[in-house]
Amino acid sequence: MPNSIVIPVRNEQAHLRRCLRALEPQLGRDELIVVDDASSDGSGDVAREFGALVITLPERQGAAAARNAGSARALGEILLFTDADCEPAHDWCREMARALESPTVAAAYGVYRTRQEGWVARLAQLEFEERYARLSGRETIDFFATHSAAVRRWVFRQAGGFRADLRGNEDVELAFRLSARGDRLVFEPRAVVYHEHPTTLFGYFRVKFSRGFWRTVAYAAHPGKAVTDAYTPFGLKLQVALMALSFLLLPLVRVHQAFMVAFGLVVVAWIAAGIPFACFVARRNVGLAIPALGFAWLRSAALAAGVAVGSVRVVLRGQRKSEESRS
């Protein structure tokens, strides 16, 4: 059996049906595994309609644990990962597997696309496309996300799979871990899945807050990646740091003029760091160039908030482990 497709699902019956309908014509001899993370809406029954091997978890354990459970049962030499709310393109399985034709490649990362027309979703998509432009042409990368990814089964198991204690960015953490081992990861832009991004600013804020929180936890295990990685533009990391600094300075601007000057310099630096994204957006959709700066402000604010809360979690867990080791 050449490949095993592993999909975790929790209460996403409608999305899962669309995902499996897109996969059905391209399965061939591939194995389809759906891990039902204690759904209450009949998601597992939908998977059985499409002939999937369904693994039902007795209680909610999270996507990382669900993917580990599915991968433990997999027979294919290559594990293909996507999400229940994704719609793989007609050739996704083939393109994802083709990326691993070279024996030197351990894992591969595909791409998101969207059919949405709303400006929030379009800007969210352009944000991904800016990242894809960074990855294109690189011989090796240090990132993948499980909406569109492939990993050799023996590599996945040797590395210990996903960290089940993470409820977000467990895929990024595994990619960092594989990269640190010297495994070769590649970018495959032809492996496409369609996805629906948030359509409201509040929904987008929630997504970015969560990503900031869990990425901080991943960075705690791989601190070098907090400075630079193949996926995230340095300008974005700088914007997040400047946003956090502006939050600290804002209450002080009335205390002394020096704080007001410092705050102004931080704002100017933040705008300068955001210009590359605005230019990227303008080259693809000039009508979104002006909203792009406001969108970038919300993005960096949400990420900064997530990083702040994630940092507290990292510190508290570190203290707890230190106390346990002394006792």
C-alpha atoms as a PDB file:
ATOM      1  CA  MET A   1       0.000   0.000   0.000  1.00  0.00           C
ATOM      2  CA  PRO A   2       1.789   3.173  -1.158  1.00  0.00           C
ATOM      3  CA  ASN A   3       0.319   5.928   1.033  1.00  0.00           C
ATOM      4  CA  SER A   4      -1.869   6.481   4.076  1.00  0.00           C
ATOM      5  CA  ILE A   5      -4.033   9.602   4.371  1.00  0.00           C
ATOM      6  CA  VAL A   6      -4.685  10.594   7.991  1.00  0.00           C
ATOM      7  CA  ILE A   7      -7.456  13.070   8.848  1.00  0.00           C
ATOM      8  CA  PRO A   8      -8.489  14.031  12.394  1.00  0.00           C
ATOM      9  CA  VAL A   9     -12.043  15.238  12.883  1.00  0.00           C
ATOM     10  CA  ARG A  10     -14.146  16.600  15.711  1.00  0.00           C
ATOM     11  CA  ASN A  11     -17.730  17.653  15.011  1.00  0.00           C
ATOM     12  CA  GLU A  12     -17.122  18.685  11.404  1.00  0.00           C
ATOM     13  CA  GLN A  13     -19.583  16.449   9.612  1.00  0.00           C
ATOM     14  CA  ALA A  14     -20.347  18.806   6.705  1.00  0.00           C
ATOM     15  CA  HIS A  15     -16.715  19.792   6.150  1.00  0.00           C
ATOM     16  CA  LEU A  16     -15.554  16.182   6.370  1.00  0.00           C
ATOM     17  CA  ARG A  17     -18.026  15.063   3.723  1.00  0.00           C
ATOM     18  CA  ARG A  18     -16.706  17.708   1.319  1.00  0.00           C
ATOM     19  CA  CYS A  19     -13.104  16.714   2.102  1.00  0.00           C
ATOM     20  CA  LEU A  20     -13.699  13.002   1.526  1.00  0.00           C
ATOM     21  CA  ARG A  21     -15.736  13.618  -1.615  1.00  0.00           C
ATOM     22  CA  ALA A  22     -12.719  15.471  -3.051  1.00  0.00           C
ATOM     23  CA  LEU A  23     -10.346  12.661  -2.040  1.00  0.00           C
ATOM     24  CA  GLU A  24     -12.479   9.727  -3.196  1.00  0.00           C
ATOM     25  CA  PRO A  25     -11.633   9.831  -6.952  1.00  0.00           C
ATOM     26  CA  GLN A  26      -7.876  10.037  -6.336  1.00  0.00           C
ATOM     27  CA  LEU A  27      -7.398   7.421  -3.632  1.00  0.00           C
ATOM     28  CA  GLY A  28      -6.453   4.481  -5.845  1.00  0.00           C
ATOM     29  CA  ARG A  29      -4.667   2.025  -3.554  1.00  0.00           C
ATOM     30  CA  ASP A  30      -4.084   4.650  -0.872  1.00  0.00           C
ATOM     31  CA  GLU A  31      -5.355   3.992   2.628  1.00  0.00           C
ATOM     32  CA  LEU A  32      -7.825   6.481   4.130  1.00  0.00           C
ATOM     33  CA  ILE A  33      -7.801   6.819   7.914  1.00  0.00           C
ATOM     34  CA  VAL A  34     -10.157   9.157   9.770  1.00  0.00           C
ATOM     35  CA  VAL A  35      -9.631   9.608  13.502  1.00  0.00           C
ATOM     36  CA  ASP A  36     -12.827  10.688  15.246  1.00  0.00           C
ATOM     37  CA  ASP A  37     -11.784  12.795  18.235  1.00  0.00           C
ATOM     38  CA  ALA A  38     -14.882  12.028  20.332  1.00  0.00           C
ATOM     39  CA  SER A  39     -17.305  13.761  17.952  1.00  0.00           C
ATOM     40  CA  SER A  40     -20.972  14.029  18.878  1.00  0.00           C
ATOM     41  CA  ASP A  41     -22.328  14.859  15.405  1.00  0.00           C
ATOM     42  CA  GLY A  42     -21.841  11.584  13.539  1.00  0.00           C
ATOM     43  CA  SER A  43     -18.580  12.557  11.835  1.00  0.00           C
ATOM     44  CA  GLY A  44     -17.362   8.979  12.142  1.00  0.00           C
ATOM     45  CA  ASP A  45     -20.433   7.691  10.285  1.00  0.00           C
ATOM     46  CA  VAL A  46     -19.696  10.066   7.410  1.00  0.00           C
ATOM     47  CA  ALA A  47     -16.163   8.683   7.193  1.00  0.00           C
ATOM     48  CA  ARG A  48     -17.483   5.115   7.058  1.00  0.00           C
ATOM     49  CA  GLU A  49     -19.721   6.055   4.122  1.00  0.00           C
ATOM     50  CA  PHE A  50     -16.528   6.711   2.141  1.00  0.00           C
ATOM     51  CA  GLY A  51     -14.890   3.446   3.186  1.00  0.00           C
ATOM     52  CA  ALA A  52     -12.419   4.995   5.585  1.00  0.00           C
ATOM     53  CA  LEU A  53     -10.812   3.133   8.432  1.00  0.00           C
ATOM     54  CA  VAL A  54     -12.331   4.996  11.383  1.00  0.00           C
ATOM     55  CA  ILE A  55     -10.527   5.178  14.711  1.00  0.00           C
ATOM     56  CA  THR A  56     -12.757   6.542  17.468  1.00  0.00           C
ATOM     57  CA  LEU A  57     -11.140   8.145  20.496  1.00  0.00           C
ATOM     58  CA  PRO A  58     -13.217   7.689  23.678  1.00  0.00           C
ATOM     59  CA  GLU A  59     -12.618  11.271  24.832  1.00  0.00           C
ATOM     60  CA  ARG A  60     -11.328  14.428  23.254  1.00  0.00           C
ATOM     61  CA  GLN A  61      -7.531  14.351  22.973  1.00  0.00           C
ATOM     62  CA  GLY A  62      -6.773  16.988  20.338  1.00  0.00           C
ATOM     63  CA  ALA A  63      -5.639  16.875  16.735  1.00  0.00           C
ATOM     64  CA  ALA A  64      -2.038  15.932  17.569  1.00  0.00           C
ATOM     65  CA  ALA A  65      -3.053  12.831  19.523  1.00  0.00           C
ATOM     66  CA  ALA A  66      -5.621  11.969  16.833  1.00  0.00           C
ATOM     67  CA  ARG A  67      -3.007  12.131  14.075  1.00  0.00           C
ATOM     68  CA  ASN A  68      -0.650  10.013  16.175  1.00  0.00           C
ATOM     69  CA  ALA A  69      -3.372   7.413  16.643  1.00  0.00           C
ATOM     70  CA  GLY A  70      -4.079   7.301  12.917  1.00  0.00           C
ATOM     71  CA  SER A  71      -0.383   7.151  12.018  1.00  0.00           C
ATOM     72  CA  ALA A  72       0.162   4.258  14.445  1.00  0.00           C
ATOM     73  CA  ARG A  73      -2.364   2.198  12.439  1.00  0.00           C
ATOM     74  CA  ALA A  74      -1.118   3.324   9.026  1.00  0.00           C
ATOM     75  CA  LEU A  75       0.394   0.806   6.618  1.00  0.00           C
ATOM     76  CA  GLY A  76       1.549   3.187   3.877  1.00  0.00           C
ATOM     77  CA  GLU A  77       5.171   4.187   3.465  1.00  0.00           C
ATOM     78  CA  ILE A  78       4.142   7.848   3.231  1.00  0.00           C
ATOM     79  CA  LEU A  79       1.750   9.579   5.623  1.00  0.00           C
ATOM     80  CA  LEU A  80      -0.369  12.267   3.957  1.00  0.00           C
ATOM     81  CA  PHE A  81      -1.973  14.768   6.318  1.00  0.00           C
ATOM     82  CA  THR A  82      -4.852  17.139   5.695  1.00  0.00           C
ATOM     83  CA  ASP A  83      -7.663  18.566   7.806  1.00  0.00           C
ATOM     84  CA  ALA A  84     -11.375  17.819   7.785  1.00  0.00           C
ATOM     85  CA  ASP A  85     -12.159  21.425   6.825  1.00  0.00           C
ATOM     86  CA  CYS A  86      -9.925  21.273   3.734  1.00  0.00           C
ATOM     87  CA  GLU A  87     -10.908  20.297   0.196  1.00  0.00           C
ATOM     88  CA  PRO A  88      -7.916  18.700  -1.566  1.00  0.00           C
ATOM     89  CA  ALA A  89      -7.465  19.503  -5.250  1.00  0.00           C
ATOM     90  CA  HIS A  90      -8.053  16.652  -7.723  1.00  0.00           C
ATOM     91  CA  ASP A  91      -4.325  15.803  -7.898  1.00  0.00           C
ATOM     92  CA  TRP A  92      -3.372  16.495  -4.272  1.00  0.00           C
ATOM     93  CA  CYS A  93      -2.461  12.899  -3.384  1.00  0.00           C
ATOM     94  CA  ARG A  94      -0.269  12.524  -6.457  1.00  0.00           C
ATOM     95  CA  GLU A  95       1.530  15.847  -6.045  1.00  0.00           C
ATOM     96  CA  MET A  96       2.035  15.347  -2.318  1.00  0.00           C
ATOM     97  CA  ALA A  97       3.560  11.903  -2.849  1.00  0.00           C
ATOM     98  CA  ARG A  98       5.630  13.066  -5.822  1.00  0.00           C
ATOM     99  CA  ALA A  99       7.381  15.546  -3.570  1.00  0.00           C
ATOM    100  CA  LEU A 100       8.866  12.566  -1.716  1.00  0.00           C
ATOM    101  CA  GLU A 101      10.038  10.653  -4.788  1.00  0.00           C
ATOM    102  CA  SER A 102      13.631  11.530  -3.950  1.00  0.00           C
ATOM    103  CA  PRO A 103      14.896   9.303  -1.117  1.00  0.00           C
ATOM    104  CA  THR A 104      16.660  12.349   0.360  1.00  0.00           C
ATOM    105  CA  VAL A 105      13.329  14.016   1.191  1.00  0.00           C
ATOM    106  CA  ALA A 106      11.785  13.202   4.577  1.00  0.00           C
ATOM    107  CA  ALA A 107       8.726  15.456   4.473  1.00  0.00           C
ATOM    108  CA  ALA A 108       6.924  17.940   2.240  1.00  0.00           C
ATOM    109  CA  TYR A 109       4.597  20.892   2.666  1.00  0.00           C
ATOM    110  CA  GLY A 110       1.813  21.905   0.271  1.00  0.00           C
ATOM    111  CA  VAL A 111      -0.361  25.014   0.110  1.00  0.00           C
ATOM    112  CA  TYR A 112      -3.691  26.595   0.957  1.00  0.00           C
ATOM    113  CA  ARG A 113      -5.895  28.178  -1.670  1.00  0.00           C
ATOM    114  CA  THR A 114      -9.329  29.737  -1.209  1.00  0.00           C
ATOM    115  CA  ARG A 115     -12.339  30.488  -3.375  1.00  0.00           C
ATOM    116  CA  GLN A 116     -13.575  33.205  -1.020  1.00  0.00           C
ATOM    117  CA  GLU A 117     -14.061  36.755  -2.282  1.00  0.00           C
ATOM    118  CA  GLY A 118     -14.439  38.703   0.978  1.00  0.00           C
ATOM    119  CA  TRP A 119     -11.607  41.114   1.768  1.00  0.00           C
ATOM    120  CA  VAL A 120     -10.707  39.596   5.146  1.00  0.00           C
ATOM    121  CA  ALA A 121     -10.393  36.111   3.649  1.00  0.00           C
ATOM    122  CA  ARG A 122      -8.497  37.462   0.629  1.00  0.00           C
ATOM    123  CA  LEU A 123      -5.966  39.224   2.845  1.00  0.00           C
ATOM    124  CA  ALA A 124      -5.615  36.074   4.946  1.00  0.00           C
ATOM    125  CA  GLN A 125      -4.881  34.159   1.743  1.00  0.00           C
ATOM    126  CA  LEU A 126      -2.351  36.762   0.598  1.00  0.00           C
ATOM    127  CA  GLU A 127      -0.633  36.409   3.949  1.00  0.00           C
ATOM    128  CA  PHE A 128      -0.120  32.714   3.184  1.00  0.00           C
ATOM    129  CA  GLU A 129       1.022  33.511  -0.322  1.00  0.00           C
ATOM    130  CA  GLU A 130       3.685  35.873   1.029  1.00  0.00           C
ATOM    131  CA  ARG A 131       5.007  32.934   3.070  1.00  0.00           C
ATOM    132  CA  TYR A 132       4.892  30.623   0.048  1.00  0.00           C
ATOM    133  CA  ALA A 133       6.968  33.128  -1.916  1.00  0.00           C
ATOM    134  CA  ARG A 134       9.625  32.877   0.814  1.00  0.00           C
ATOM    135  CA  LEU A 135       9.629  29.074   0.606  1.00  0.00           C
ATOM    136  CA  SER A 136       9.696  28.804  -3.186  1.00  0.00           C
ATOM    137  CA  GLY A 137      13.029  27.814  -4.657  1.00  0.00           C
ATOM    138  CA  ARG A 138      14.576  26.703  -1.357  1.00  0.00           C
ATOM    139  CA  GLU A 139      16.310  23.359  -1.455  1.00  0.00           C
ATOM    140  CA  THR A 140      15.172  22.627   2.070  1.00  0.00           C
ATOM    141  CA  ILE A 141      12.776  24.247   4.550  1.00  0.00           C
ATOM    142  CA  ASP A 142      12.118  23.888   8.278  1.00  0.00           C
ATOM    143  CA  PHE A 143       8.330  24.148   8.300  1.00  0.00           C
ATOM    144  CA  PHE A 144       5.147  22.328   7.413  1.00  0.00           C
ATOM    145  CA  ALA A 145       1.521  22.458   8.463  1.00  0.00           C
ATOM    146  CA  THR A 146      -0.805  19.491   8.440  1.00  0.00           C
ATOM    147  CA  HIS A 147      -3.476  21.034   6.235  1.00  0.00           C
ATOM    148  CA  SER A 148      -1.230  19.831   3.387  1.00  0.00           C
ATOM    149  CA  ALA A 149       1.788  17.753   4.377  1.00  0.00           C
ATOM    150  CA  ALA A 150       3.513  14.425   3.785  1.00  0.00           C
ATOM    151  CA  VAL A 151       6.012  12.616   6.009  1.00  0.00           C
ATOM    152  CA  ARG A 152       7.741   9.282   5.534  1.00  0.00           C
ATOM    153  CA  ARG A 153       6.206   6.869   8.010  1.00  0.00           C
ATOM    154  CA  TRP A 154       9.538   5.638   9.400  1.00  0.00           C
ATOM    155  CA  VAL A 155      10.759   9.223   9.849  1.00  0.00           C
ATOM    156  CA  PHE A 156       7.546  10.177  11.648  1.00  0.00           C
ATOM    157  CA  ARG A 157       7.755   7.209  14.008  1.00  0.00           C
ATOM    158  CA  GLN A 158      11.475   7.571  14.618  1.00  0.00           C
ATOM    159  CA  ALA A 159      10.915  11.220  15.600  1.00  0.00           C
ATOM    160  CA  GLY A 160       8.134  10.234  18.009  1.00  0.00           C
ATOM    161  CA  GLY A 161       5.256  11.829  16.098  1.00  0.00           C
ATOM    162  CA  PHE A 162       3.432  14.969  17.180  1.00  0.00           C
ATOM    163  CA  ARG A 163       3.614  16.305  20.711  1.00  0.00           C
ATOM    164  CA  ALA A 164       0.195  15.424  22.079  1.00  0.00           C
ATOM    165  CA  ASP A 165       0.446  18.115  24.791  1.00  0.00           C
ATOM    166  CA  LEU A 166       0.200  20.802  22.093  1.00  0.00           C
ATOM    167  CA  ARG A 167      -3.263  21.841  20.908  1.00  0.00           C
ATOM    168  CA  GLY A 168      -1.850  24.005  18.164  1.00  0.00           C
ATOM    169  CA  ASN A 169       1.357  24.283  16.133  1.00  0.00           C
ATOM    170  CA  GLU A 170       2.165  20.646  16.885  1.00  0.00           C
ATOM    171  CA  ASP A 171       2.911  20.315  13.173  1.00  0.00           C
ATOM    172  CA  VAL A 172       5.320  23.275  13.233  1.00  0.00           C
ATOM    173  CA  GLU A 173       7.077  21.857  16.289  1.00  0.00           C
ATOM    174  CA  LEU A 174       7.533  18.505  14.546  1.00  0.00           C
ATOM    175  CA  ALA A 175       8.914  20.260  11.464  1.00  0.00           C
ATOM    176  CA  PHE A 176      11.396  22.149  13.644  1.00  0.00           C
ATOM    177  CA  ARG A 177      12.375  18.863  15.275  1.00  0.00           C
ATOM    178  CA  LEU A 178      12.898  17.076  11.963  1.00  0.00           C
ATOM    179  CA  SER A 179      14.918  19.994  10.631  1.00  0.00           C
ATOM    180  CA  ALA A 180      17.113  19.962  13.742  1.00  0.00           C
ATOM    181  CA  ARG A 181      17.770  16.252  13.145  1.00  0.00           C
ATOM    182  CA  GLY A 182      19.064  17.061   9.683  1.00  0.00           C
ATOM    183  CA  ASP A 183      16.050  15.667   7.816  1.00  0.00           C
ATOM    184  CA  ARG A 184      15.275  17.351   4.507  1.00  0.00           C
ATOM    185  CA  LEU A 185      11.878  19.043   4.204  1.00  0.00           C
ATOM    186  CA  VAL A 186      10.712  20.528   0.895  1.00  0.00           C
ATOM    187  CA  PHE A 187       8.003  22.891  -0.332  1.00  0.00           C
ATOM    188  CA  GLU A 188       5.580  21.579  -2.960  1.00  0.00           C
ATOM    189  CA  PRO A 189       3.314  24.388  -4.265  1.00  0.00           C
ATOM    190  CA  ARG A 190       1.439  21.995  -6.591  1.00  0.00           C
ATOM    191  CA  ALA A 191      -0.039  20.085  -3.622  1.00  0.00           C
ATOM    192  CA  VAL A 192      -3.119  22.269  -3.123  1.00  0.00           C
ATOM    193  CA  VAL A 193      -5.984  22.145  -0.652  1.00  0.00           C
ATOM    194  CA  TYR A 194      -8.831  24.645  -0.628  1.00  0.00           C
ATOM    195  CA  HIS A 195      -9.782  26.213   2.675  1.00  0.00           C
ATOM    196  CA  GLU A 196     -12.200  28.766   4.077  1.00  0.00           C
ATOM    197  CA  HIS A 197     -10.362  31.461   6.020  1.00  0.00           C
ATOM    198  CA  PRO A 198     -12.054  33.639   8.679  1.00  0.00           C
ATOM    199  CA  THR A 199     -14.505  36.118   7.185  1.00  0.00           C
ATOM    200  CA  THR A 200     -14.598  38.599  10.086  1.00  0.00           C
ATOM    201  CA  LEU A 201     -11.887  40.579  11.827  1.00  0.00           C
ATOM    202  CA  PHE A 202     -12.843  39.054  15.163  1.00  0.00           C
ATOM    203  CA  GLY A 203     -12.596  35.542  13.732  1.00  0.00           C
ATOM    204  CA  TYR A 204      -9.215  36.379  12.228  1.00  0.00           C
ATOM    205  CA  PHE A 205      -8.035  37.830  15.572  1.00  0.00           C
ATOM    206  CA  ARG A 206      -8.963  34.602  17.367  1.00  0.00           C
ATOM    207  CA  VAL A 207      -7.051  32.479  14.852  1.00  0.00           C
ATOM    208  CA  LYS A 208      -3.922  34.645  15.071  1.00  0.00           C
ATOM    209  CA  PHE A 209      -4.076  34.807  18.875  1.00  0.00           C
ATOM    210  CA  SER A 210      -4.139  31.005  19.018  1.00  0.00           C
ATOM    211  CA  ARG A 211      -1.262  30.732  16.561  1.00  0.00           C
ATOM    212  CA  GLY A 212       0.780  33.250  18.525  1.00  0.00           C
ATOM    213  CA  PHE A 213       0.126  31.351  21.743  1.00  0.00           C
ATOM    214  CA  TRP A 214       1.067  27.915  20.434  1.00  0.00           C
ATOM    215  CA  ARG A 215       3.944  29.141  18.276  1.00  0.00           C
ATOM    216  CA  THR A 216       5.479  30.582  21.458  1.00  0.00           C
ATOM    217  CA  VAL A 217       5.280  27.136  23.052  1.00  0.00           C
ATOM    218  CA  ALA A 218       6.954  25.646  19.964  1.00  0.00           C
ATOM    219  CA  TYR A 219       9.654  28.319  20.054  1.00  0.00           C
ATOM    220  CA  ALA A 220      10.336  27.496  23.708  1.00  0.00           C
ATOM    221  CA  ALA A 221      11.429  24.029  22.557  1.00  0.00           C
ATOM    222  CA  HIS A 222      13.362  25.480  19.572  1.00  0.00           C
ATOM    223  CA  PRO A 223      14.467  28.971  20.665  1.00  0.00           C
ATOM    224  CA  GLY A 224      16.614  29.604  17.596  1.00  0.00           C
ATOM    225  CA  LYS A 225      13.489  29.575  15.428  1.00  0.00           C
ATOM    226  CA  ALA A 226      12.089  32.549  17.351  1.00  0.00           C
ATOM    227  CA  VAL A 227      14.687  34.696  15.596  1.00  0.00           C
ATOM    228  CA  THR A 228      14.516  33.243  12.106  1.00  0.00           C
ATOM    229  CA  ASP A 229      12.867  30.424  10.208  1.00  0.00           C
ATOM    230  CA  ALA A 230      12.158  29.738   6.564  1.00  0.00           C
ATOM    231  CA  TYR A 231       8.428  30.435   6.807  1.00  0.00           C
ATOM    232  CA  THR A 232       7.874  33.604   8.824  1.00  0.00           C
ATOM    233  CA  PRO A 233       9.138  36.949   7.432  1.00  0.00           C
ATOM    234  CA  PHE A 234      11.502  38.695   9.823  1.00  0.00           C
ATOM    235  CA  GLY A 235       9.462  41.859   9.320  1.00  0.00           C
ATOM    236  CA  LEU A 236       6.432  40.147  10.872  1.00  0.00           C
ATOM    237  CA  LYS A 237       8.430  39.002  13.883  1.00  0.00           C
ATOM    238  CA  LEU A 238       9.739  42.552  14.238  1.00  0.00           C
ATOM    239  CA  GLN A 239       6.204  43.941  14.004  1.00  0.00           C
ATOM    240  CA  VAL A 240       5.021  41.615  16.769  1.00  0.00           C
ATOM    241  CA  ALA A 241       7.907  42.698  19.006  1.00  0.00           C
ATOM    242  CA  LEU A 242       7.245  46.376  18.252  1.00  0.00           C
ATOM    243  CA  MET A 243       3.536  45.924  18.930  1.00  0.00           C
ATOM    244  CA  ALA A 244       4.308  44.412  22.327  1.00  0.00           C
ATOM    245  CA  LEU A 245       6.677  47.312  23.055  1.00  0.00           C
ATOM    246  CA  SER A 246       4.014  49.831  22.056  1.00  0.00           C
ATOM    247  CA  PHE A 247       1.580  48.214  24.508  1.00  0.00           C
ATOM    248  CA  LEU A 248       4.149  48.749  27.274  1.00  0.00           C
ATOM    249  CA  LEU A 249       4.922  52.352  26.274  1.00  0.00           C
ATOM    250  CA  LEU A 250       1.376  53.584  25.695  1.00  0.00           C
ATOM    251  CA  PRO A 251       0.422  53.941  29.401  1.00  0.00           C
ATOM    252  CA  LEU A 252       3.637  55.911  29.980  1.00  0.00           C
ATOM    253  CA  VAL A 253       3.289  58.583  27.301  1.00  0.00           C
ATOM    254  CA  ARG A 254       1.734  61.013  29.824  1.00  0.00           C
ATOM    255  CA  VAL A 255       4.448  60.390  32.378  1.00  0.00           C
ATOM    256  CA  HIS A 256       7.284  61.993  30.415  1.00  0.00           C
ATOM    257  CA  GLN A 257       7.841  63.379  26.951  1.00  0.00           C
ATOM    258  CA  ALA A 258      10.629  60.859  26.366  1.00  0.00           C
ATOM    259  CA  PHE A 259       8.077  58.030  26.469  1.00  0.00           C
ATOM    260  CA  MET A 260       5.935  59.840  23.901  1.00  0.00           C
ATOM    261  CA  VAL A 261       8.940  60.170  21.597  1.00  0.00           C
ATOM    262  CA  ALA A 262       9.813  56.500  22.117  1.00  0.00           C
ATOM    263  CA  PHE A 263       6.241  55.508  21.374  1.00  0.00           C
ATOM    264  CA  GLY A 264       6.266  57.550  18.173  1.00  0.00           C
ATOM    265  CA  LEU A 265       9.515  55.938  17.037  1.00  0.00           C
ATOM    266  CA  VAL A 266       8.071  52.486  17.700  1.00  0.00           C
ATOM    267  CA  VAL A 267       4.992  53.320  15.604  1.00  0.00           C
ATOM    268  CA  VAL A 268       7.161  54.570  12.733  1.00  0.00           C
ATOM    269  CA  ALA A 269       9.325  51.451  12.937  1.00  0.00           C
ATOM    270  CA  TRP A 270       6.207  49.260  12.939  1.00  0.00           C
ATOM    271  CA  ILE A 271       4.893  50.953   9.790  1.00  0.00           C
ATOM    272  CA  ALA A 272       8.275  50.557   8.083  1.00  0.00           C
ATOM    273  CA  ALA A 273       8.313  46.850   8.960  1.00  0.00           C
ATOM    274  CA  GLY A 274       4.832  46.451   7.470  1.00  0.00           C
ATOM    275  CA  ILE A 275       5.609  48.060   4.119  1.00  0.00           C
ATOM    276  CA  PRO A 276       6.872  44.814   2.479  1.00  0.00           C
ATOM    277  CA  PHE A 277       3.535  43.083   3.169  1.00  0.00           C
ATOM    278  CA  ALA A 278       1.563  46.081   1.861  1.00  0.00           C
ATOM    279  CA  CYS A 279       3.697  46.095  -1.299  1.00  0.00           C
ATOM    280  CA  PHE A 280       3.204  42.350  -1.734  1.00  0.00           C
ATOM    281  CA  VAL A 281      -0.574  42.817  -1.460  1.00  0.00           C
ATOM    282  CA  ALA A 282      -0.541  45.803  -3.850  1.00  0.00           C
ATOM    283  CA  ARG A 283       1.235  43.788  -6.553  1.00  0.00           C
ATOM    284  CA  ARG A 284      -1.546  41.199  -6.439  1.00  0.00           C
ATOM    285  CA  ASN A 285      -4.606  43.293  -5.594  1.00  0.00           C
ATOM    286  CA  VAL A 286      -4.108  47.054  -5.546  1.00  0.00           C
ATOM    287  CA  GLY A 287      -7.542  47.565  -4.001  1.00  0.00           C
ATOM    288  CA  LEU A 288      -6.429  45.755  -0.842  1.00  0.00           C
ATOM    289  CA  ALA A 289      -3.165  47.698  -0.386  1.00  0.00           C
ATOM    290  CA  ILE A 290      -4.613  50.306   1.994  1.00  0.00           C
ATOM    291  CA  PRO A 291      -6.636  47.837   4.117  1.00  0.00           C
ATOM    292  CA  ALA A 292      -3.481  45.700   4.286  1.00  0.00           C
ATOM    293  CA  LEU A 293      -1.817  47.992   6.845  1.00  0.00           C
ATOM    294  CA  GLY A 294      -4.852  47.910   9.148  1.00  0.00           C
ATOM    295  CA  PHE A 295      -5.028  44.162   8.657  1.00  0.00           C
ATOM    296  CA  ALA A 296      -1.320  43.896   9.534  1.00  0.00           C
ATOM    297  CA  TRP A 297      -1.932  45.953  12.693  1.00  0.00           C
ATOM    298  CA  LEU A 298      -4.659  43.550  13.817  1.00  0.00           C
ATOM    299  CA  ARG A 299      -2.431  40.590  12.944  1.00  0.00           C
ATOM    300  CA  SER A 300       0.527  41.820  14.979  1.00  0.00           C
ATOM    301  CA  ALA A 301      -1.733  42.833  17.884  1.00  0.00           C
ATOM    302  CA  ALA A 302      -3.337  39.376  17.985  1.00  0.00           C
ATOM    303  CA  LEU A 303       0.009  37.614  17.680  1.00  0.00           C
ATOM    304  CA  ALA A 304       1.585  39.836  20.354  1.00  0.00           C
ATOM    305  CA  ALA A 305      -1.281  39.058  22.728  1.00  0.00           C
ATOM    306  CA  GLY A 306      -0.945  35.341  21.993  1.00  0.00           C
ATOM    307  CA  VAL A 307       2.822  35.465  22.491  1.00  0.00           C
ATOM    308  CA  ALA A 308       2.375  37.265  25.829  1.00  0.00           C
ATOM    309  CA  VAL A 309      -0.068  34.678  27.168  1.00  0.00           C
ATOM    310  CA  GLY A 310       1.991  31.829  25.698  1.00  0.00           C
ATOM    311  CA  SER A 311       5.114  33.175  27.388  1.00  0.00           C
ATOM    312  CA  VAL A 312       3.330  33.108  30.743  1.00  0.00           C
ATOM    313  CA  ARG A 313       2.405  29.475  30.115  1.00  0.00           C
ATOM    314  CA  VAL A 314       6.000  28.585  29.237  1.00  0.00           C
ATOM    315  CA  VAL A 315       7.349  30.291  32.369  1.00  0.00           C
ATOM    316  CA  LEU A 316       4.783  28.692  34.692  1.00  0.00           C
ATOM    317  CA  ARG A 317       5.375  25.224  33.219  1.00  0.00           C
ATOM    318  CA  GLY A 318       9.117  25.721  33.558  1.00  0.00           C
ATOM    319  CA  GLN A 319       8.718  26.659  37.217  1.00  0.00           C
ATOM    320  CA  ARG A 320       6.473  23.656  37.824  1.00  0.00           C
ATOM    321  CA  LYS A 321       8.972  21.267  36.253  1.00  0.00           C
ATOM    322  CA  SER A 322      11.785  22.836  38.263  1.00  0.00           C
ATOM    323  CA  GLU A 323       9.822  22.356  41.497  1.00  0.00           C
ATOM    324  CA  GLU A 324       9.014  18.750  40.571  1.00  0.00           C
ATOM    325  CA  SER A 325      12.668  17.991  39.851  1.00  0.00           C
ATOM    326  CA  ARG A 326      13.686  19.344  43.271  1.00  0.00           C
ATOM    327  CA  SER A 327      11.036  17.411  45.152  1.00  0.00           C
END
